[in-house]
Amino acid sequence: MAEIKMKPFEFKYFTLHQSPLVMKVSTDSILLGSWAKAGSAKTILDIGTGTGILALLLASKSNAKIDALDISKAAIQTAESNFKNNIWASNMRVFNSSLQHFSSQEKYDIIISNPPYFEEAILSPKQEKSMARNQAGLSFKELIHYTALLLQKSGSAYFCFPSKSEESITQYAEKSALFFKKKMYVRSFQNQAPYLVLAELGFVEYETQTEHLVIYTSEKKYTAEFIELTKESYGVRF
């Protein structure tokens, strides 16, 4: 059977190739990677890297050494190929491992992840993609727990998750002594409830900064706020 070719996704500083066996580029990941601050970070861990999009978005705004982790062999192959085709390749490594079995001699300044969204997994026929769609291999609770073990005391963890999961994730974070620094509530349209939360967490308890983003206008065009947030990821394309 001939291999299915997927159209590459063009970003401002890199081209991202996709695979039918790996979750496609999502607006959620683009928002998270655009919103996260890399600053002066020296080390970054991307958990569940998929195509490598989050790792590459952070590479484009830092000089950090970046480790990208995924349990899927197809994802690792795709991410590794994407890393090799850009100017930051020497700073990027991939690991075909679950988070639970991943070991590192160092802790990370930044940990980032767009985790799976379904607490109760119903496995799809295509196993590679179902691992990305479901939390059968990694629960939110485990993600928070292992993040706390791998994060520098002065570091930041960036996640996005459905708004309906906010309460449980807050509880998991508190048990691991992680606190919300910032949250961004994302709506598709102004008159809709938030469907997504972008979050920055750390070990120091802060008064949480709260932000809001609406993606589309009533005319179904991108809002000025969305364009401003993502302009360094996409470039000028709207």
Protein backbone atom coordinates (compact mmCIF):
# COMPACT_ATOMS: atom_id res chain seq x y z
CA MET A 1 0.00 0.00 0.00
CA ALA A 2 1.34 3.42 -0.92
CA GLU A 3 2.30 5.71 1.94
CA ILE A 4 -0.20 8.49 2.55
CA LYS A 5 1.43 11.90 2.16
CA MET A 6 0.24 14.78 4.31
CA LYS A 7 0.76 18.42 3.47
CA PRO A 8 3.56 20.02 5.53
CA PHE A 9 2.57 22.77 7.94
CA GLU A 10 4.45 26.02 7.37
CA PHE A 11 5.51 28.06 10.38
CA LYS A 12 7.49 31.29 10.45
CA TYR A 13 10.84 29.65 11.19
CA PHE A 14 10.37 26.02 10.19
CA THR A 15 8.35 23.54 8.17
CA LEU A 16 6.61 20.76 10.07
CA HIS A 17 6.04 17.45 8.29
CA GLN A 18 3.20 15.25 9.49
CA SER A 19 2.41 11.54 9.48
CA PRO A 20 -0.99 9.80 9.29
CA LEU A 21 0.09 7.74 12.34
CA VAL A 22 0.75 10.81 14.49
CA MET A 23 -1.74 13.36 15.79
CA LYS A 24 -2.05 16.30 13.41
CA VAL A 25 -0.98 19.81 14.28
CA SER A 26 -3.69 21.35 16.46
CA THR A 27 -4.66 24.89 17.32
CA ASP A 28 -4.22 23.93 20.98
CA SER A 29 -0.52 23.13 20.50
CA ILE A 30 0.06 26.27 18.44
CA LEU A 31 -1.54 28.37 21.17
CA LEU A 32 0.44 26.66 23.94
CA GLY A 33 3.75 26.91 22.11
CA SER A 34 3.10 30.56 21.27
CA TRP A 35 2.02 31.45 24.82
CA ALA A 36 4.83 29.65 26.68
CA LYS A 37 7.90 31.71 27.59
CA ALA A 38 11.31 30.18 26.96
CA GLY A 39 13.29 33.14 28.31
CA SER A 40 16.79 32.18 29.42
CA ALA A 41 15.96 28.49 29.88
CA LYS A 42 18.91 26.16 29.39
CA THR A 43 16.97 22.89 29.41
CA ILE A 44 13.48 22.04 28.14
CA LEU A 45 11.49 18.78 28.18
CA ASP A 46 8.59 18.23 25.77
CA ILE A 47 6.38 15.37 26.99
CA GLY A 48 4.40 13.59 24.28
CA THR A 49 6.12 15.47 21.50
CA GLY A 50 4.12 14.03 18.58
CA THR A 51 5.34 15.83 15.46
CA GLY A 52 7.72 17.90 17.60
CA ILE A 53 5.70 21.09 17.26
CA LEU A 54 6.05 22.32 20.86
CA ALA A 55 9.76 21.55 20.97
CA LEU A 56 10.31 23.44 17.72
CA LEU A 57 8.22 26.44 18.76
CA LEU A 58 10.29 26.77 21.95
CA ALA A 59 13.53 26.16 20.04
CA SER A 60 12.65 29.10 17.81
CA LYS A 61 12.71 31.46 20.81
CA SER A 62 15.52 30.07 22.96
CA ASN A 63 19.02 28.60 22.95
CA ALA A 64 18.00 25.75 25.24
CA LYS A 65 18.88 22.10 24.97
CA ILE A 66 15.57 20.36 24.28
CA ASP A 67 14.62 16.76 25.02
CA ALA A 68 11.46 15.44 23.35
CA LEU A 69 9.73 12.35 24.68
CA ASP A 70 7.06 10.12 23.16
CA ILE A 71 5.90 6.53 23.63
CA SER A 72 4.97 6.21 19.93
CA LYS A 73 7.71 5.08 17.54
CA ALA A 74 5.93 6.79 14.66
CA ALA A 75 5.89 10.06 16.60
CA ILE A 76 9.58 9.79 17.43
CA GLN A 77 10.46 9.13 13.79
CA THR A 78 8.37 12.11 12.68
CA ALA A 79 9.75 14.45 15.35
CA GLU A 80 13.33 13.37 14.72
CA SER A 81 12.92 14.04 11.00
CA ASN A 82 11.45 17.48 11.73
CA PHE A 83 14.28 18.30 14.13
CA LYS A 84 16.97 17.33 11.62
CA ASN A 85 15.51 19.69 9.03
CA ASN A 86 16.01 22.87 11.06
CA ILE A 87 18.83 25.04 12.38
CA TRP A 88 18.37 23.94 16.01
CA ALA A 89 19.02 20.25 15.34
CA SER A 90 22.19 20.12 17.44
CA ASN A 91 20.21 21.25 20.51
CA MET A 92 17.43 18.68 20.16
CA ARG A 93 17.15 15.03 21.21
CA VAL A 94 14.33 12.50 21.03
CA PHE A 95 13.54 9.64 23.42
CA ASN A 96 11.19 6.76 22.62
CA SER A 97 9.96 6.17 26.16
CA SER A 98 6.99 6.57 28.43
CA LEU A 99 7.24 9.36 30.98
CA GLN A 100 7.00 6.78 33.76
CA HIS A 101 10.18 5.04 32.54
CA PHE A 102 12.09 8.13 31.45
CA SER A 103 15.19 8.90 33.50
CA SER A 104 17.24 12.07 33.39
CA GLN A 105 20.36 13.06 35.30
CA GLU A 106 19.31 16.69 35.19
CA LYS A 107 16.18 18.65 35.97
CA TYR A 108 14.56 20.96 33.45
CA ASP A 109 14.00 24.71 33.46
CA ILE A 110 10.86 24.27 31.37
CA ILE A 111 8.55 21.29 30.90
CA ILE A 112 5.82 21.54 28.30
CA SER A 113 3.05 19.17 27.23
CA ASN A 114 -0.22 19.15 25.36
CA PRO A 115 -1.47 16.02 27.13
CA PRO A 116 -4.15 13.56 25.98
CA TYR A 117 -7.66 14.70 26.77
CA PHE A 118 -9.57 11.63 27.78
CA GLU A 119 -9.36 10.31 31.34
CA GLU A 120 -11.29 7.16 30.45
CA ALA A 121 -9.68 5.67 27.39
CA ILE A 122 -11.68 4.03 24.62
CA LEU A 123 -8.96 2.72 22.36
CA SER A 124 -9.32 3.40 18.67
CA PRO A 125 -8.44 0.79 16.02
CA LYS A 126 -5.23 2.58 15.05
CA GLN A 127 -3.08 1.97 18.09
CA GLU A 128 -0.40 4.56 17.37
CA LYS A 129 -2.96 7.35 17.14
CA SER A 130 -5.05 6.03 20.03
CA MET A 131 -2.05 6.38 22.33
CA ALA A 132 -2.06 10.08 21.55
CA ARG A 133 -5.84 10.44 21.78
CA ASN A 134 -6.31 8.58 25.06
CA GLN A 135 -4.81 8.59 28.52
CA ALA A 136 -4.45 4.83 28.75
CA GLY A 137 -0.67 5.22 29.02
CA LEU A 138 -0.43 8.48 31.00
CA SER A 139 -3.02 10.03 33.29
CA PHE A 140 -3.17 13.70 34.21
CA LYS A 141 -2.25 12.65 37.75
CA GLU A 142 0.92 10.92 36.55
CA LEU A 143 1.81 13.78 34.23
CA ILE A 144 1.74 16.24 37.14
CA HIS A 145 3.56 13.86 39.50
CA TYR A 146 6.48 13.18 37.14
CA THR A 147 6.65 16.80 36.06
CA ALA A 148 7.22 17.76 39.69
CA LEU A 149 10.09 15.25 39.89
CA LEU A 150 11.78 16.53 36.72
CA LEU A 151 11.27 20.29 37.07
CA GLN A 152 13.84 22.70 38.51
CA LYS A 153 12.66 24.43 41.69
CA SER A 154 12.76 27.75 39.83
CA GLY A 155 11.29 26.29 36.63
CA SER A 156 7.94 26.50 34.87
CA ALA A 157 5.65 23.81 33.50
CA TYR A 158 3.30 24.66 30.64
CA PHE A 159 0.21 22.56 29.91
CA CYS A 160 -3.09 22.90 28.11
CA PHE A 161 -6.17 20.95 29.08
CA PRO A 162 -9.97 21.03 28.70
CA SER A 163 -11.67 23.50 31.00
CA LYS A 164 -13.75 20.68 32.48
CA SER A 165 -10.52 19.10 33.82
CA GLU A 166 -9.37 22.24 35.64
CA GLU A 167 -10.58 21.21 39.11
CA SER A 168 -8.96 17.77 39.05
CA ILE A 169 -5.69 19.11 37.64
CA THR A 170 -5.61 21.78 40.35
CA GLN A 171 -5.93 19.04 42.97
CA TYR A 172 -3.16 16.95 41.38
CA ALA A 173 -0.91 20.00 41.20
CA GLU A 174 -1.43 20.90 44.85
CA LYS A 175 -0.52 17.35 45.91
CA SER A 176 2.77 17.75 44.04
CA ALA A 177 3.39 21.24 45.51
CA LEU A 178 2.86 22.90 42.13
CA PHE A 179 0.91 26.13 41.84
CA PHE A 180 -0.62 28.06 38.96
CA LYS A 181 1.36 31.13 37.93
CA LYS A 182 -0.82 32.01 34.95
CA LYS A 183 -3.92 30.73 33.21
CA MET A 184 -5.40 31.64 29.86
CA TYR A 185 -9.02 30.67 29.20
CA VAL A 186 -9.64 30.05 25.51
CA ARG A 187 -13.01 30.42 23.77
CA SER A 188 -13.77 29.64 20.15
CA PHE A 189 -16.30 32.52 20.02
CA GLN A 190 -17.08 35.35 22.42
CA ASN A 191 -20.53 33.99 23.30
CA GLN A 192 -19.23 30.50 24.16
CA ALA A 193 -17.80 29.12 27.37
CA PRO A 194 -14.03 28.46 27.50
CA TYR A 195 -13.17 25.02 26.11
CA LEU A 196 -9.44 25.11 26.86
CA VAL A 197 -7.09 26.30 29.59
CA LEU A 198 -3.44 27.17 29.01
CA ALA A 199 -1.53 27.00 32.28
CA GLU A 200 1.88 27.86 33.66
CA LEU A 201 2.79 26.13 36.93
CA GLY A 202 5.73 26.38 39.32
CA PHE A 203 6.81 25.49 42.85
CA VAL A 204 6.40 29.02 44.24
CA GLU A 205 2.87 29.97 45.22
CA TYR A 206 1.78 33.04 43.29
CA GLU A 207 -1.39 35.02 42.91
CA THR A 208 -2.53 33.48 39.65
CA GLN A 209 -2.61 35.83 36.67
CA THR A 210 -5.69 35.23 34.53
CA GLU A 211 -5.98 35.95 30.82
CA HIS A 212 -8.68 35.35 28.21
CA LEU A 213 -8.54 34.66 24.48
CA VAL A 214 -11.25 34.43 21.84
CA ILE A 215 -10.09 32.72 18.63
CA TYR A 216 -12.79 33.77 16.14
CA THR A 217 -14.85 36.86 15.47
CA SER A 218 -18.56 36.56 14.75
CA GLU A 219 -17.58 36.58 11.06
CA LYS A 220 -15.49 33.44 11.71
CA LYS A 221 -12.19 35.23 11.14
CA TYR A 222 -9.27 35.15 13.54
CA THR A 223 -9.41 37.83 16.21
CA ALA A 224 -6.69 40.46 16.55
CA GLU A 225 -5.70 38.88 19.88
CA PHE A 226 -5.22 35.46 18.30
CA ILE A 227 -3.13 36.92 15.47
CA GLU A 228 -0.99 38.88 17.93
CA LEU A 229 -0.36 35.82 20.12
CA THR A 230 0.60 33.54 17.23
CA LYS A 231 2.40 35.97 14.90
CA GLU A 232 5.87 34.76 15.92
CA SER A 233 4.78 31.17 15.28
CA TYR A 234 2.89 31.59 12.02
CA GLY A 235 4.49 34.74 10.69
CA VAL A 236 2.25 37.09 8.71
CA ARG A 237 -0.30 34.84 7.04
CA PHE A 238 -3.77 36.05 8.05
